[in-house]
């Protein structure tokens, strides 16, 4: 029998999806309440499908375990109403903090404020809740897009026909879009011939269908800016199916082991991506929540800097997985964001 969230009580569902920390009895020398343990945090996502989000969750779980946090994970189903309900469920469960991972801001601002009013700390990752009391964890999306477009321009010059993959209403994509619009304004020889995109539980497949139509209608397109790896994966699939992979160059954001395999394979049109390690970002989100719970000062904007990863560099270094990427490109595997002497790092 297939169970849904609605067919289980919230408490029972969360018991099935909780990660209990290694120091549940408390951390010696840590501030209250971490010295005694029993801290509970909810991770509430808008999207759970895709390697990036799974890696983000894994990083959050590892850091929670190191801190002795009971992390309750709510799966994202790309449903704004369900995400609102999950936030309210988490408040009713008496969690110490909630991490909101992506989402639609207008659907979340009021329930996030309700959580704060109930004494629950709130951290947001890549969703701008426009609230001075909520620290925002970001991948430095402007810097990420700029680095991708700098490589794109270095490879292709300043005059070409392009396709652009974008869906409005998601904070990281909106920030990356600002950089794309400025890039076009600064480079009038860049012609955007097609714009498309989808964010759902089959993003890559949906994007591939749209890309096929756009590339057939505009055979002069030679460059695609797809600033989300699921977008890039869909465009690559379309290019291969249409037999034009050798004529197209794709530039993206974010990375996973599956992405690395697709970027480095023989004849791939995927030329570069710019990314932070999603596991590192997930761990930073949990550390920010821990510092908020402990009453420590937390920056309102927590930036994790991205790294440019070209197809050539990945092939030259023999990188095949994200784990190898962290070892062979050390700046990818760590961040100095939201650290404290009493916080043990995820392993």
C-alpha atoms as a PDB file:
ATOM      1  CA  UNK A   1       0.000   0.000   0.000  1.00  0.00           C
ATOM      2  CA  UNK A   2       1.280   3.453  -0.876  1.00  0.00           C
ATOM      3  CA  UNK A   3       1.135   5.939   1.996  1.00  0.00           C
ATOM      4  CA  UNK A   4       1.007   9.706   1.550  1.00  0.00           C
ATOM      5  CA  UNK A   5       1.682  12.424   4.082  1.00  0.00           C
ATOM      6  CA  UNK A   6      -2.027  12.833   4.606  1.00  0.00           C
ATOM      7  CA  UNK A   7      -2.490   9.146   5.468  1.00  0.00           C
ATOM      8  CA  UNK A   8      -0.100   9.312   8.426  1.00  0.00           C
ATOM      9  CA  UNK A   9      -0.174  11.526  11.466  1.00  0.00           C
ATOM     10  CA  UNK A  10       2.474  14.246  11.370  1.00  0.00           C
ATOM     11  CA  UNK A  11       4.235  12.825  14.411  1.00  0.00           C
ATOM     12  CA  UNK A  12       4.342   9.316  13.005  1.00  0.00           C
ATOM     13  CA  UNK A  13       5.589  10.531   9.639  1.00  0.00           C
ATOM     14  CA  UNK A  14       8.316  12.594  11.214  1.00  0.00           C
ATOM     15  CA  UNK A  15       9.460   9.692  13.364  1.00  0.00           C
ATOM     16  CA  UNK A  16      10.101   7.790  10.156  1.00  0.00           C
ATOM     17  CA  UNK A  17      12.160  10.649   8.706  1.00  0.00           C
ATOM     18  CA  UNK A  18      14.202  11.863  11.648  1.00  0.00           C
ATOM     19  CA  UNK A  19      17.966  11.750  12.176  1.00  0.00           C
ATOM     20  CA  UNK A  20      19.091  11.561  15.789  1.00  0.00           C
ATOM     21  CA  UNK A  21      22.430  13.145  16.621  1.00  0.00           C
ATOM     22  CA  UNK A  22      25.528  11.442  17.941  1.00  0.00           C
ATOM     23  CA  UNK A  23      25.574  13.700  21.021  1.00  0.00           C
ATOM     24  CA  UNK A  24      21.922  13.469  21.981  1.00  0.00           C
ATOM     25  CA  UNK A  25      22.953  13.689  25.638  1.00  0.00           C
ATOM     26  CA  UNK A  26      24.688  17.031  25.156  1.00  0.00           C
ATOM     27  CA  UNK A  27      28.046  18.474  24.084  1.00  0.00           C
ATOM     28  CA  UNK A  28      30.506  19.347  26.838  1.00  0.00           C
ATOM     29  CA  UNK A  29      31.304  23.052  26.865  1.00  0.00           C
ATOM     30  CA  UNK A  30      28.511  23.961  24.470  1.00  0.00           C
ATOM     31  CA  UNK A  31      26.024  26.730  25.278  1.00  0.00           C
ATOM     32  CA  UNK A  32      22.473  25.911  26.335  1.00  0.00           C
ATOM     33  CA  UNK A  33      20.548  23.925  25.187  1.00  0.00           C
ATOM     34  CA  UNK A  34      23.299  21.985  23.402  1.00  0.00           C
ATOM     35  CA  UNK A  35      25.069  21.208  26.678  1.00  0.00           C
ATOM     36  CA  UNK A  36      22.109  19.060  27.695  1.00  0.00           C
ATOM     37  CA  UNK A  37      20.866  17.844  24.317  1.00  0.00           C
ATOM     38  CA  UNK A  38      17.326  17.262  23.160  1.00  0.00           C
ATOM     39  CA  UNK A  39      17.459  19.898  20.418  1.00  0.00           C
ATOM     40  CA  UNK A  40      15.025  19.383  17.560  1.00  0.00           C
ATOM     41  CA  UNK A  41      15.192  21.056  14.147  1.00  0.00           C
ATOM     42  CA  UNK A  42      12.882  20.670  11.155  1.00  0.00           C
ATOM     43  CA  UNK A  43      14.173  20.767   7.573  1.00  0.00           C
ATOM     44  CA  UNK A  44      11.282  21.692   5.302  1.00  0.00           C
ATOM     45  CA  UNK A  45      12.011  21.603   1.590  1.00  0.00           C
ATOM     46  CA  UNK A  46      10.057  22.697  -1.453  1.00  0.00           C
ATOM     47  CA  UNK A  47      11.942  20.302  -3.750  1.00  0.00           C
ATOM     48  CA  UNK A  48      13.477  16.963  -2.772  1.00  0.00           C
ATOM     49  CA  UNK A  49      13.990  15.409  -6.214  1.00  0.00           C
ATOM     50  CA  UNK A  50      17.366  15.751  -7.900  1.00  0.00           C
ATOM     51  CA  UNK A  51      20.945  15.158  -6.835  1.00  0.00           C
ATOM     52  CA  UNK A  52      21.505  18.711  -5.563  1.00  0.00           C
ATOM     53  CA  UNK A  53      18.661  18.563  -3.049  1.00  0.00           C
ATOM     54  CA  UNK A  54      19.502  15.039  -1.928  1.00  0.00           C
ATOM     55  CA  UNK A  55      23.111  16.075  -1.326  1.00  0.00           C
ATOM     56  CA  UNK A  56      21.968  19.215   0.538  1.00  0.00           C
ATOM     57  CA  UNK A  57      19.816  17.049   2.800  1.00  0.00           C
ATOM     58  CA  UNK A  58      22.674  14.594   3.372  1.00  0.00           C
ATOM     59  CA  UNK A  59      24.962  17.453   4.441  1.00  0.00           C
ATOM     60  CA  UNK A  60      22.306  18.792   6.786  1.00  0.00           C
ATOM     61  CA  UNK A  61      21.780  15.338   8.299  1.00  0.00           C
ATOM     62  CA  UNK A  62      25.514  14.807   8.835  1.00  0.00           C
ATOM     63  CA  UNK A  63      25.920  18.164  10.594  1.00  0.00           C
ATOM     64  CA  UNK A  64      22.822  17.544  12.703  1.00  0.00           C
ATOM     65  CA  UNK A  65      24.218  14.193  13.802  1.00  0.00           C
ATOM     66  CA  UNK A  66      27.518  15.824  14.780  1.00  0.00           C
ATOM     67  CA  UNK A  67      25.637  18.399  16.866  1.00  0.00           C
ATOM     68  CA  UNK A  68      23.321  15.943  18.583  1.00  0.00           C
ATOM     69  CA  UNK A  69      20.293  17.462  16.864  1.00  0.00           C
ATOM     70  CA  UNK A  70      17.166  15.434  16.203  1.00  0.00           C
ATOM     71  CA  UNK A  71      16.573  16.573  12.609  1.00  0.00           C
ATOM     72  CA  UNK A  72      13.047  16.067  11.324  1.00  0.00           C
ATOM     73  CA  UNK A  73      13.014  16.037   7.516  1.00  0.00           C
ATOM     74  CA  UNK A  74       9.864  16.918   5.587  1.00  0.00           C
ATOM     75  CA  UNK A  75      10.020  15.905   1.906  1.00  0.00           C
ATOM     76  CA  UNK A  76       9.434  18.590  -0.697  1.00  0.00           C
ATOM     77  CA  UNK A  77       6.715  17.955  -3.257  1.00  0.00           C
ATOM     78  CA  UNK A  78       6.773  21.274  -5.153  1.00  0.00           C
ATOM     79  CA  UNK A  79       3.537  22.146  -3.383  1.00  0.00           C
ATOM     80  CA  UNK A  80       3.331  25.557  -1.709  1.00  0.00           C
ATOM     81  CA  UNK A  81       0.226  24.721   0.325  1.00  0.00           C
ATOM     82  CA  UNK A  82       1.798  21.517   1.642  1.00  0.00           C
ATOM     83  CA  UNK A  83       5.007  23.350   2.568  1.00  0.00           C
ATOM     84  CA  UNK A  84       2.961  25.893   4.544  1.00  0.00           C
ATOM     85  CA  UNK A  85       1.219  23.063   6.354  1.00  0.00           C
ATOM     86  CA  UNK A  86       4.545  21.381   7.133  1.00  0.00           C
ATOM     87  CA  UNK A  87       5.868  24.568   8.762  1.00  0.00           C
ATOM     88  CA  UNK A  88       2.778  24.724  10.950  1.00  0.00           C
ATOM     89  CA  UNK A  89       3.164  21.023  11.817  1.00  0.00           C
ATOM     90  CA  UNK A  90       6.780  21.609  12.830  1.00  0.00           C
ATOM     91  CA  UNK A  91       5.779  24.479  15.134  1.00  0.00           C
ATOM     92  CA  UNK A  92       3.119  22.285  16.733  1.00  0.00           C
ATOM     93  CA  UNK A  93       5.742  19.574  17.302  1.00  0.00           C
ATOM     94  CA  UNK A  94       7.763  22.019  19.388  1.00  0.00           C
ATOM     95  CA  UNK A  95      10.942  22.139  17.319  1.00  0.00           C
ATOM     96  CA  UNK A  96      13.628  24.634  18.313  1.00  0.00           C
ATOM     97  CA  UNK A  97      14.255  25.788  14.753  1.00  0.00           C
ATOM     98  CA  UNK A  98      13.011  25.378  11.204  1.00  0.00           C
ATOM     99  CA  UNK A  99      15.177  25.429   8.085  1.00  0.00           C
ATOM    100  CA  UNK A 100      13.122  26.401   5.038  1.00  0.00           C
ATOM    101  CA  UNK A 101      14.810  25.075   1.898  1.00  0.00           C
ATOM    102  CA  UNK A 102      13.575  26.896  -1.238  1.00  0.00           C
ATOM    103  CA  UNK A 103       9.935  27.676  -1.870  1.00  0.00           C
ATOM    104  CA  UNK A 104       7.637  30.440  -3.047  1.00  0.00           C
ATOM    105  CA  UNK A 105       8.176  33.498  -0.806  1.00  0.00           C
ATOM    106  CA  UNK A 106       4.648  34.877  -0.921  1.00  0.00           C
ATOM    107  CA  UNK A 107       3.269  31.546   0.256  1.00  0.00           C
ATOM    108  CA  UNK A 108       5.702  31.331   3.189  1.00  0.00           C
ATOM    109  CA  UNK A 109       6.202  34.775   4.700  1.00  0.00           C
ATOM    110  CA  UNK A 110       3.203  34.708   7.017  1.00  0.00           C
ATOM    111  CA  UNK A 111       3.742  31.165   8.326  1.00  0.00           C
ATOM    112  CA  UNK A 112       7.451  31.879   8.841  1.00  0.00           C
ATOM    113  CA  UNK A 113       6.455  34.888  10.942  1.00  0.00           C
ATOM    114  CA  UNK A 114       4.014  32.711  12.871  1.00  0.00           C
ATOM    115  CA  UNK A 115       6.885  30.345  13.665  1.00  0.00           C
ATOM    116  CA  UNK A 116       9.006  33.240  14.931  1.00  0.00           C
ATOM    117  CA  UNK A 117       6.088  34.497  17.035  1.00  0.00           C
ATOM    118  CA  UNK A 118       5.885  31.025  18.593  1.00  0.00           C
ATOM    119  CA  UNK A 119       9.539  31.271  19.642  1.00  0.00           C
ATOM    120  CA  UNK A 120      10.899  29.018  16.883  1.00  0.00           C
ATOM    121  CA  UNK A 121      14.076  30.148  15.127  1.00  0.00           C
ATOM    122  CA  UNK A 122      13.891  30.210  11.327  1.00  0.00           C
ATOM    123  CA  UNK A 123      16.676  29.863   8.738  1.00  0.00           C
ATOM    124  CA  UNK A 124      16.022  30.215   5.014  1.00  0.00           C
ATOM    125  CA  UNK A 125      18.064  28.656   2.228  1.00  0.00           C
ATOM    126  CA  UNK A 126      17.596  30.148  -1.232  1.00  0.00           C
ATOM    127  CA  UNK A 127      14.177  31.607  -0.503  1.00  0.00           C
ATOM    128  CA  UNK A 128      13.931  35.307   0.339  1.00  0.00           C
ATOM    129  CA  UNK A 129      11.374  35.718   3.118  1.00  0.00           C
ATOM    130  CA  UNK A 130      12.113  39.446   3.448  1.00  0.00           C
ATOM    131  CA  UNK A 131      12.308  39.242   7.229  1.00  0.00           C
ATOM    132  CA  UNK A 132      15.210  40.803   9.201  1.00  0.00           C
ATOM    133  CA  UNK A 133      14.845  38.115  11.859  1.00  0.00           C
ATOM    134  CA  UNK A 134      15.507  35.259   9.406  1.00  0.00           C
ATOM    135  CA  UNK A 135      19.114  34.572   8.336  1.00  0.00           C
ATOM    136  CA  UNK A 136      19.397  33.809   4.629  1.00  0.00           C
ATOM    137  CA  UNK A 137      21.826  31.108   3.481  1.00  0.00           C
ATOM    138  CA  UNK A 138      22.818  31.732  -0.124  1.00  0.00           C
ATOM    139  CA  UNK A 139      25.111  30.208  -2.703  1.00  0.00           C
ATOM    140  CA  UNK A 140      26.218  33.715  -3.740  1.00  0.00           C
ATOM    141  CA  UNK A 141      24.053  33.325  -6.815  1.00  0.00           C
ATOM    142  CA  UNK A 142      25.186  36.565  -8.447  1.00  0.00           C
ATOM    143  CA  UNK A 143      28.814  35.462  -8.229  1.00  0.00           C
ATOM    144  CA  UNK A 144      27.854  32.004  -9.449  1.00  0.00           C
ATOM    145  CA  UNK A 145      26.114  33.369 -12.565  1.00  0.00           C
ATOM    146  CA  UNK A 146      28.895  35.875 -13.257  1.00  0.00           C
ATOM    147  CA  UNK A 147      31.550  33.154 -13.195  1.00  0.00           C
ATOM    148  CA  UNK A 148      29.527  30.967 -15.562  1.00  0.00           C
ATOM    149  CA  UNK A 149      28.947  33.843 -17.972  1.00  0.00           C
ATOM    150  CA  UNK A 150      32.593  34.893 -17.871  1.00  0.00           C
ATOM    151  CA  UNK A 151      33.551  31.384 -18.991  1.00  0.00           C
ATOM    152  CA  UNK A 152      30.760  31.375 -21.566  1.00  0.00           C
ATOM    153  CA  UNK A 153      32.036  34.660 -23.011  1.00  0.00           C
ATOM    154  CA  UNK A 154      35.669  33.510 -22.959  1.00  0.00           C
ATOM    155  CA  UNK A 155      34.694  30.434 -24.995  1.00  0.00           C
ATOM    156  CA  UNK A 156      32.237  32.056 -27.397  1.00  0.00           C
ATOM    157  CA  UNK A 157      33.040  35.740 -27.646  1.00  0.00           C
ATOM    158  CA  UNK A 158      30.406  38.463 -27.414  1.00  0.00           C
ATOM    159  CA  UNK A 159      28.290  37.746 -30.486  1.00  0.00           C
ATOM    160  CA  UNK A 160      26.189  34.589 -30.687  1.00  0.00           C
ATOM    161  CA  UNK A 161      22.624  33.280 -30.645  1.00  0.00           C
ATOM    162  CA  UNK A 162      21.608  31.866 -27.291  1.00  0.00           C
ATOM    163  CA  UNK A 163      18.877  29.981 -25.506  1.00  0.00           C
ATOM    164  CA  UNK A 164      18.196  30.693 -21.854  1.00  0.00           C
ATOM    165  CA  UNK A 165      16.512  28.391 -19.341  1.00  0.00           C
ATOM    166  CA  UNK A 166      14.680  30.186 -16.531  1.00  0.00           C
ATOM    167  CA  UNK A 167      11.628  29.926 -14.279  1.00  0.00           C
ATOM    168  CA  UNK A 168      10.685  33.035 -12.302  1.00  0.00           C
ATOM    169  CA  UNK A 169       9.685  33.016  -8.648  1.00  0.00           C
ATOM    170  CA  UNK A 170      12.596  31.044  -7.192  1.00  0.00           C
ATOM    171  CA  UNK A 171      15.105  33.212  -5.333  1.00  0.00           C
ATOM    172  CA  UNK A 172      18.324  31.611  -6.677  1.00  0.00           C
ATOM    173  CA  UNK A 173      17.049  31.614 -10.253  1.00  0.00           C
ATOM    174  CA  UNK A 174      15.820  35.194  -9.939  1.00  0.00           C
ATOM    175  CA  UNK A 175      19.229  36.340  -8.670  1.00  0.00           C
ATOM    176  CA  UNK A 176      20.991  34.481 -11.493  1.00  0.00           C
ATOM    177  CA  UNK A 177      18.548  36.049 -13.962  1.00  0.00           C
ATOM    178  CA  UNK A 178      19.608  39.544 -12.844  1.00  0.00           C
ATOM    179  CA  UNK A 179      23.160  38.735 -13.909  1.00  0.00           C
ATOM    180  CA  UNK A 180      21.999  37.304 -17.254  1.00  0.00           C
ATOM    181  CA  UNK A 181      19.980  40.438 -18.017  1.00  0.00           C
ATOM    182  CA  UNK A 182      22.978  42.645 -17.251  1.00  0.00           C
ATOM    183  CA  UNK A 183      25.217  40.407 -19.366  1.00  0.00           C
ATOM    184  CA  UNK A 184      22.892  40.860 -22.353  1.00  0.00           C
ATOM    185  CA  UNK A 185      22.710  44.622 -21.806  1.00  0.00           C
ATOM    186  CA  UNK A 186      26.510  44.829 -21.712  1.00  0.00           C
ATOM    187  CA  UNK A 187      26.857  42.598 -24.785  1.00  0.00           C
ATOM    188  CA  UNK A 188      24.333  43.659 -27.446  1.00  0.00           C
ATOM    189  CA  UNK A 189      25.767  41.089 -29.847  1.00  0.00           C
ATOM    190  CA  UNK A 190      24.258  38.327 -27.721  1.00  0.00           C
ATOM    191  CA  UNK A 191      20.827  37.444 -29.127  1.00  0.00           C
ATOM    192  CA  UNK A 192      18.474  35.509 -26.852  1.00  0.00           C
ATOM    193  CA  UNK A 193      16.497  33.470 -29.384  1.00  0.00           C
ATOM    194  CA  UNK A 194      14.561  31.247 -26.975  1.00  0.00           C
ATOM    195  CA  UNK A 195      13.604  31.173 -23.310  1.00  0.00           C
ATOM    196  CA  UNK A 196      11.987  28.191 -21.612  1.00  0.00           C
ATOM    197  CA  UNK A 197      12.088  26.131 -18.416  1.00  0.00           C
ATOM    198  CA  UNK A 198      10.150  24.049 -15.909  1.00  0.00           C
ATOM    199  CA  UNK A 199      10.546  23.251 -12.220  1.00  0.00           C
ATOM    200  CA  UNK A 200       8.676  20.118 -11.217  1.00  0.00           C
ATOM    201  CA  UNK A 201       9.351  16.533 -10.171  1.00  0.00           C
ATOM    202  CA  UNK A 202      10.641  15.763 -13.701  1.00  0.00           C
ATOM    203  CA  UNK A 203      12.515  19.008 -14.370  1.00  0.00           C
ATOM    204  CA  UNK A 204      15.181  17.547 -16.668  1.00  0.00           C
ATOM    205  CA  UNK A 205      12.688  15.636 -18.818  1.00  0.00           C
ATOM    206  CA  UNK A 206      10.282  18.576 -19.051  1.00  0.00           C
ATOM    207  CA  UNK A 207      13.134  20.921 -19.954  1.00  0.00           C
ATOM    208  CA  UNK A 208      14.358  18.464 -22.607  1.00  0.00           C
ATOM    209  CA  UNK A 209      10.968  18.536 -24.327  1.00  0.00           C
ATOM    210  CA  UNK A 210      10.947  22.345 -24.323  1.00  0.00           C
ATOM    211  CA  UNK A 211      14.569  22.510 -25.485  1.00  0.00           C
ATOM    212  CA  UNK A 212      13.881  20.245 -28.466  1.00  0.00           C
ATOM    213  CA  UNK A 213      11.138  22.562 -29.677  1.00  0.00           C
ATOM    214  CA  UNK A 214      13.280  25.669 -29.155  1.00  0.00           C
ATOM    215  CA  UNK A 215      16.367  24.215 -30.852  1.00  0.00           C
ATOM    216  CA  UNK A 216      14.359  22.956 -33.837  1.00  0.00           C
ATOM    217  CA  UNK A 217      12.765  26.383 -34.271  1.00  0.00           C
ATOM    218  CA  UNK A 218      16.093  28.208 -33.881  1.00  0.00           C
ATOM    219  CA  UNK A 219      18.851  26.154 -35.538  1.00  0.00           C
ATOM    220  CA  UNK A 220      21.302  29.084 -35.218  1.00  0.00           C
ATOM    221  CA  UNK A 221      21.433  28.736 -31.419  1.00  0.00           C
ATOM    222  CA  UNK A 222      24.988  27.779 -30.467  1.00  0.00           C
ATOM    223  CA  UNK A 223      25.064  28.556 -26.735  1.00  0.00           C
ATOM    224  CA  UNK A 224      22.684  27.725 -23.880  1.00  0.00           C
ATOM    225  CA  UNK A 225      22.817  29.326 -20.454  1.00  0.00           C
ATOM    226  CA  UNK A 226      21.028  26.922 -18.108  1.00  0.00           C
ATOM    227  CA  UNK A 227      21.777  28.140 -14.552  1.00  0.00           C
ATOM    228  CA  UNK A 228      20.518  25.027 -12.728  1.00  0.00           C
ATOM    229  CA  UNK A 229      21.976  21.599 -13.347  1.00  0.00           C
ATOM    230  CA  UNK A 230      18.627  19.894 -13.927  1.00  0.00           C
ATOM    231  CA  UNK A 231      18.008  22.462 -16.688  1.00  0.00           C
ATOM    232  CA  UNK A 232      21.408  21.720 -18.221  1.00  0.00           C
ATOM    233  CA  UNK A 233      20.802  17.996 -18.065  1.00  0.00           C
ATOM    234  CA  UNK A 234      17.550  18.443 -19.967  1.00  0.00           C
ATOM    235  CA  UNK A 235      19.162  20.613 -22.647  1.00  0.00           C
ATOM    236  CA  UNK A 236      21.992  18.108 -23.080  1.00  0.00           C
ATOM    237  CA  UNK A 237      19.473  15.290 -23.482  1.00  0.00           C
ATOM    238  CA  UNK A 238      17.667  17.322 -26.162  1.00  0.00           C
ATOM    239  CA  UNK A 239      20.916  18.109 -27.993  1.00  0.00           C
ATOM    240  CA  UNK A 240      21.933  14.452 -28.051  1.00  0.00           C
ATOM    241  CA  UNK A 241      18.489  13.334 -29.226  1.00  0.00           C
ATOM    242  CA  UNK A 242      18.533  15.934 -32.008  1.00  0.00           C
ATOM    243  CA  UNK A 243      22.071  15.000 -33.032  1.00  0.00           C
ATOM    244  CA  UNK A 244      23.447  18.526 -32.514  1.00  0.00           C
ATOM    245  CA  UNK A 245      25.614  17.993 -29.416  1.00  0.00           C
ATOM    246  CA  UNK A 246      28.782  18.909 -31.316  1.00  0.00           C
ATOM    247  CA  UNK A 247      27.256  22.266 -32.373  1.00  0.00           C
ATOM    248  CA  UNK A 248      26.015  23.353 -28.937  1.00  0.00           C
ATOM    249  CA  UNK A 249      27.747  24.600 -25.787  1.00  0.00           C
ATOM    250  CA  UNK A 250      25.942  24.492 -22.443  1.00  0.00           C
ATOM    251  CA  UNK A 251      26.884  26.452 -19.306  1.00  0.00           C
ATOM    252  CA  UNK A 252      25.194  25.819 -15.988  1.00  0.00           C
ATOM    253  CA  UNK A 253      25.127  26.142 -12.223  1.00  0.00           C
ATOM    254  CA  UNK A 254      25.238  23.500  -9.475  1.00  0.00           C
ATOM    255  CA  UNK A 255      26.871  20.085  -9.641  1.00  0.00           C
ATOM    256  CA  UNK A 256      26.395  16.450  -8.658  1.00  0.00           C
ATOM    257  CA  UNK A 257      28.145  13.177  -9.353  1.00  0.00           C
ATOM    258  CA  UNK A 258      25.692  12.485 -12.168  1.00  0.00           C
ATOM    259  CA  UNK A 259      26.440  15.929 -13.627  1.00  0.00           C
ATOM    260  CA  UNK A 260      30.190  15.289 -13.552  1.00  0.00           C
ATOM    261  CA  UNK A 261      29.696  12.073 -15.482  1.00  0.00           C
ATOM    262  CA  UNK A 262      27.595  13.877 -18.097  1.00  0.00           C
ATOM    263  CA  UNK A 263      29.996  16.819 -18.379  1.00  0.00           C
ATOM    264  CA  UNK A 264      33.104  14.689 -18.797  1.00  0.00           C
ATOM    265  CA  UNK A 265      31.746  12.043 -21.143  1.00  0.00           C
ATOM    266  CA  UNK A 266      33.122  12.008 -24.702  1.00  0.00           C
ATOM    267  CA  UNK A 267      31.458  14.550 -26.973  1.00  0.00           C
ATOM    268  CA  UNK A 268      29.435  16.240 -24.236  1.00  0.00           C
ATOM    269  CA  UNK A 269      28.180  19.758 -25.085  1.00  0.00           C
ATOM    270  CA  UNK A 270      28.153  20.652 -21.354  1.00  0.00           C
ATOM    271  CA  UNK A 271      31.208  22.906 -21.113  1.00  0.00           C
ATOM    272  CA  UNK A 272      31.199  24.255 -17.557  1.00  0.00           C
ATOM    273  CA  UNK A 273      29.238  24.640 -14.378  1.00  0.00           C
ATOM    274  CA  UNK A 274      29.736  26.860 -11.342  1.00  0.00           C
ATOM    275  CA  UNK A 275      28.793  25.373  -8.027  1.00  0.00           C
ATOM    276  CA  UNK A 276      29.006  25.153  -4.313  1.00  0.00           C
ATOM    277  CA  UNK A 277      29.048  21.765  -2.658  1.00  0.00           C
ATOM    278  CA  UNK A 278      25.369  21.240  -1.709  1.00  0.00           C
ATOM    279  CA  UNK A 279      26.380  19.060   1.254  1.00  0.00           C
ATOM    280  CA  UNK A 280      28.537  21.927   2.553  1.00  0.00           C
ATOM    281  CA  UNK A 281      25.595  24.326   2.162  1.00  0.00           C
ATOM    282  CA  UNK A 282      23.289  21.909   3.979  1.00  0.00           C
ATOM    283  CA  UNK A 283      25.752  21.638   6.860  1.00  0.00           C
ATOM    284  CA  UNK A 284      26.092  25.448   7.010  1.00  0.00           C
ATOM    285  CA  UNK A 285      22.297  25.775   7.197  1.00  0.00           C
ATOM    286  CA  UNK A 286      22.193  23.497  10.254  1.00  0.00           C
ATOM    287  CA  UNK A 287      25.088  25.364  11.908  1.00  0.00           C
ATOM    288  CA  UNK A 288      23.233  28.647  11.379  1.00  0.00           C
ATOM    289  CA  UNK A 289      20.163  27.132  13.044  1.00  0.00           C
ATOM    290  CA  UNK A 290      22.289  25.884  15.949  1.00  0.00           C
ATOM    291  CA  UNK A 291      23.830  29.322  16.509  1.00  0.00           C
ATOM    292  CA  UNK A 292      20.391  30.941  16.422  1.00  0.00           C
ATOM    293  CA  UNK A 293      19.083  28.435  18.976  1.00  0.00           C
ATOM    294  CA  UNK A 294      22.105  29.122  21.200  1.00  0.00           C
ATOM    295  CA  UNK A 295      21.466  32.863  21.057  1.00  0.00           C
ATOM    296  CA  UNK A 296      24.689  33.644  19.185  1.00  0.00           C
ATOM    297  CA  UNK A 297      25.090  36.401  16.621  1.00  0.00           C
ATOM    298  CA  UNK A 298      24.292  35.128  13.135  1.00  0.00           C
ATOM    299  CA  UNK A 299      24.800  37.167   9.949  1.00  0.00           C
ATOM    300  CA  UNK A 300      21.579  37.994   8.123  1.00  0.00           C
ATOM    301  CA  UNK A 301      23.232  36.883   4.840  1.00  0.00           C
ATOM    302  CA  UNK A 302      25.384  33.753   4.925  1.00  0.00           C
ATOM    303  CA  UNK A 303      27.241  33.361   1.643  1.00  0.00           C
ATOM    304  CA  UNK A 304      28.881  30.157   0.473  1.00  0.00           C
ATOM    305  CA  UNK A 305      31.225  30.989  -2.413  1.00  0.00           C
ATOM    306  CA  UNK A 306      31.009  28.965  -5.634  1.00  0.00           C
ATOM    307  CA  UNK A 307      33.775  27.386  -7.720  1.00  0.00           C
ATOM    308  CA  UNK A 308      34.089  27.298 -11.529  1.00  0.00           C
ATOM    309  CA  UNK A 309      34.304  23.727 -12.853  1.00  0.00           C
ATOM    310  CA  UNK A 310      35.140  23.444 -16.543  1.00  0.00           C
ATOM    311  CA  UNK A 311      34.840  20.288 -18.590  1.00  0.00           C
ATOM    312  CA  UNK A 312      38.558  20.455 -19.348  1.00  0.00           C
ATOM    313  CA  UNK A 313      39.569  20.813 -15.688  1.00  0.00           C
ATOM    314  CA  UNK A 314      37.346  17.921 -14.595  1.00  0.00           C
ATOM    315  CA  UNK A 315      38.721  15.684 -17.342  1.00  0.00           C
ATOM    316  CA  UNK A 316      42.349  16.743 -16.727  1.00  0.00           C
ATOM    317  CA  UNK A 317      42.044  16.015 -13.000  1.00  0.00           C
ATOM    318  CA  UNK A 318      40.219  12.739 -13.572  1.00  0.00           C
ATOM    319  CA  UNK A 319      37.280  13.797 -11.384  1.00  0.00           C
ATOM    320  CA  UNK A 320      34.395  11.340 -11.502  1.00  0.00           C
ATOM    321  CA  UNK A 321      32.406  12.056  -8.314  1.00  0.00           C
ATOM    322  CA  UNK A 322      31.590  14.935  -6.004  1.00  0.00           C
ATOM    323  CA  UNK A 323      33.673  13.215  -3.320  1.00  0.00           C
ATOM    324  CA  UNK A 324      36.697  13.255  -5.636  1.00  0.00           C
ATOM    325  CA  UNK A 325      35.903  16.865  -6.499  1.00  0.00           C
ATOM    326  CA  UNK A 326      36.154  17.826  -2.829  1.00  0.00           C
ATOM    327  CA  UNK A 327      39.548  16.123  -2.574  1.00  0.00           C
ATOM    328  CA  UNK A 328      41.032  17.320  -5.867  1.00  0.00           C
ATOM    329  CA  UNK A 329      39.643  20.883  -5.679  1.00  0.00           C
ATOM    330  CA  UNK A 330      39.848  21.623  -1.927  1.00  0.00           C
ATOM    331  CA  UNK A 331      38.041  24.988  -2.093  1.00  0.00           C
ATOM    332  CA  UNK A 332      34.937  23.116  -3.239  1.00  0.00           C
ATOM    333  CA  UNK A 333      34.774  20.933  -0.137  1.00  0.00           C
ATOM    334  CA  UNK A 334      34.625  23.466   2.684  1.00  0.00           C
ATOM    335  CA  UNK A 335      33.380  26.870   3.793  1.00  0.00           C
ATOM    336  CA  UNK A 336      34.268  29.149   6.683  1.00  0.00           C
ATOM    337  CA  UNK A 337      30.641  30.247   7.051  1.00  0.00           C
ATOM    338  CA  UNK A 338      28.920  30.092  10.453  1.00  0.00           C
ATOM    339  CA  UNK A 339      31.566  28.299  12.478  1.00  0.00           C
ATOM    340  CA  UNK A 340      32.028  28.236  16.253  1.00  0.00           C
ATOM    341  CA  UNK A 341      34.561  26.566  18.537  1.00  0.00           C
ATOM    342  CA  UNK A 342      31.908  24.446  20.219  1.00  0.00           C
ATOM    343  CA  UNK A 343      30.357  23.141  16.996  1.00  0.00           C
ATOM    344  CA  UNK A 344      31.795  19.800  15.825  1.00  0.00           C
ATOM    345  CA  UNK A 345      31.910  19.653  12.037  1.00  0.00           C
ATOM    346  CA  UNK A 346      30.128  17.070   9.959  1.00  0.00           C
ATOM    347  CA  UNK A 347      32.163  14.069   8.895  1.00  0.00           C
END
